[in-house]
Protein backbone atom coordinates (compact mmCIF):
# COMPACT_ATOMS: atom_id res chain seq x y z
CA MET A 1 15.75 -10.93 6.96
CA ALA A 2 12.10 -8.64 7.78
CA GLU A 3 9.88 -10.81 9.74
CA LYS A 4 6.98 -9.05 7.94
CA VAL A 5 6.47 -7.31 4.49
CA GLU A 6 3.35 -5.84 3.43
CA THR A 7 2.59 -4.28 -0.06
CA LEU A 8 1.13 -0.80 -0.03
CA TYR A 9 -0.04 -1.28 -3.83
CA GLY A 10 -3.00 0.43 -4.21
CA THR A 11 -2.99 2.66 -1.47
CA GLU A 12 -2.61 6.39 -2.11
CA PRO A 13 0.30 8.72 -1.07
CA ALA A 14 -1.60 10.62 1.36
CA GLU A 15 -2.88 7.70 2.91
CA ILE A 16 0.85 6.41 3.56
CA PHE A 17 2.33 9.56 4.66
CA ASN A 18 -0.89 10.04 6.87
CA SER A 19 0.07 6.89 8.48
CA GLY A 20 3.15 7.39 8.82
CA LEU A 21 2.58 10.70 10.99
CA GLU A 22 0.19 8.66 13.20
CA ASN A 23 3.01 5.99 13.81
CA ALA A 24 5.91 7.97 13.78
CA ASP A 25 6.87 6.77 17.34
CA GLU A 26 6.81 2.97 15.64
CA ILE A 27 9.11 3.97 12.64
CA GLU A 28 12.62 2.87 12.98
CA ALA A 29 13.61 4.06 9.16
CA VAL A 30 11.95 5.02 6.28
CA ALA A 31 12.88 4.49 2.49
CA VAL A 32 11.12 6.34 -0.53
CA SER A 33 11.20 6.35 -4.49
CA VAL A 34 8.93 9.24 -6.15
CA LEU A 35 8.04 8.80 -9.81
CA TRP A 36 6.34 11.65 -10.68
CA LYS A 37 4.40 12.83 -13.83
CA ASN A 38 6.71 14.46 -15.61
CA GLY A 39 8.71 10.97 -15.61
CA ALA A 40 11.46 12.20 -13.01
CA VAL A 41 12.52 9.63 -9.89
CA THR A 42 13.87 10.86 -6.68
CA ALA A 43 14.75 8.69 -4.28
CA GLY A 44 16.31 8.63 -0.63
CA TRP A 45 16.34 7.20 2.77
CA SER A 46 16.00 8.50 6.33
CA ASN A 47 18.65 7.69 9.14
CA VAL A 48 19.36 4.26 8.31
CA ASP A 49 22.30 3.49 7.82
CA ILE A 50 23.18 1.86 4.04
CA ALA A 51 23.31 -1.82 5.75
CA GLN A 52 20.01 -1.55 6.58
CA LEU A 53 18.83 0.08 3.72
CA ALA A 54 20.42 -2.68 1.74
CA LEU A 55 18.18 -5.25 4.44
CA MET A 56 15.06 -3.26 3.40
CA ILE A 57 15.75 -3.83 -0.57
CA LEU A 58 16.76 -7.41 -0.29
CA ALA A 59 13.14 -7.91 1.98
CA LEU A 60 11.12 -6.03 -0.60
CA ASP A 61 13.30 -8.40 -3.68
CA GLU A 62 12.36 -11.58 -1.73
CA LYS A 63 8.68 -10.78 -1.46
CA TYR A 64 8.39 -9.83 -4.87
CA ARG A 65 10.01 -12.94 -5.94
CA ASN A 66 7.97 -15.13 -3.82
CA ASP A 67 4.66 -13.68 -5.39
CA HIS A 68 5.49 -13.27 -8.51
CA LEU A 69 8.42 -15.61 -9.59
CA ARG A 70 7.94 -18.41 -7.96
CA GLY A 71 5.58 -21.32 -8.61
């Protein structure tokens, strides 16, 4: 699975996008989900194939489970 998963909790969206622009040459793929103030949710991903997207989601799930569900 992923070597390193870091949380962006508490980070402002503008900071995330700014960091992405500054480090664009280091980014292989992006997956994003946006919760709008009107309650709508939009989501998408970059040029990553569906298998790599699934691995990204599994890495996030594993991180969450390790941090919050396992004692």
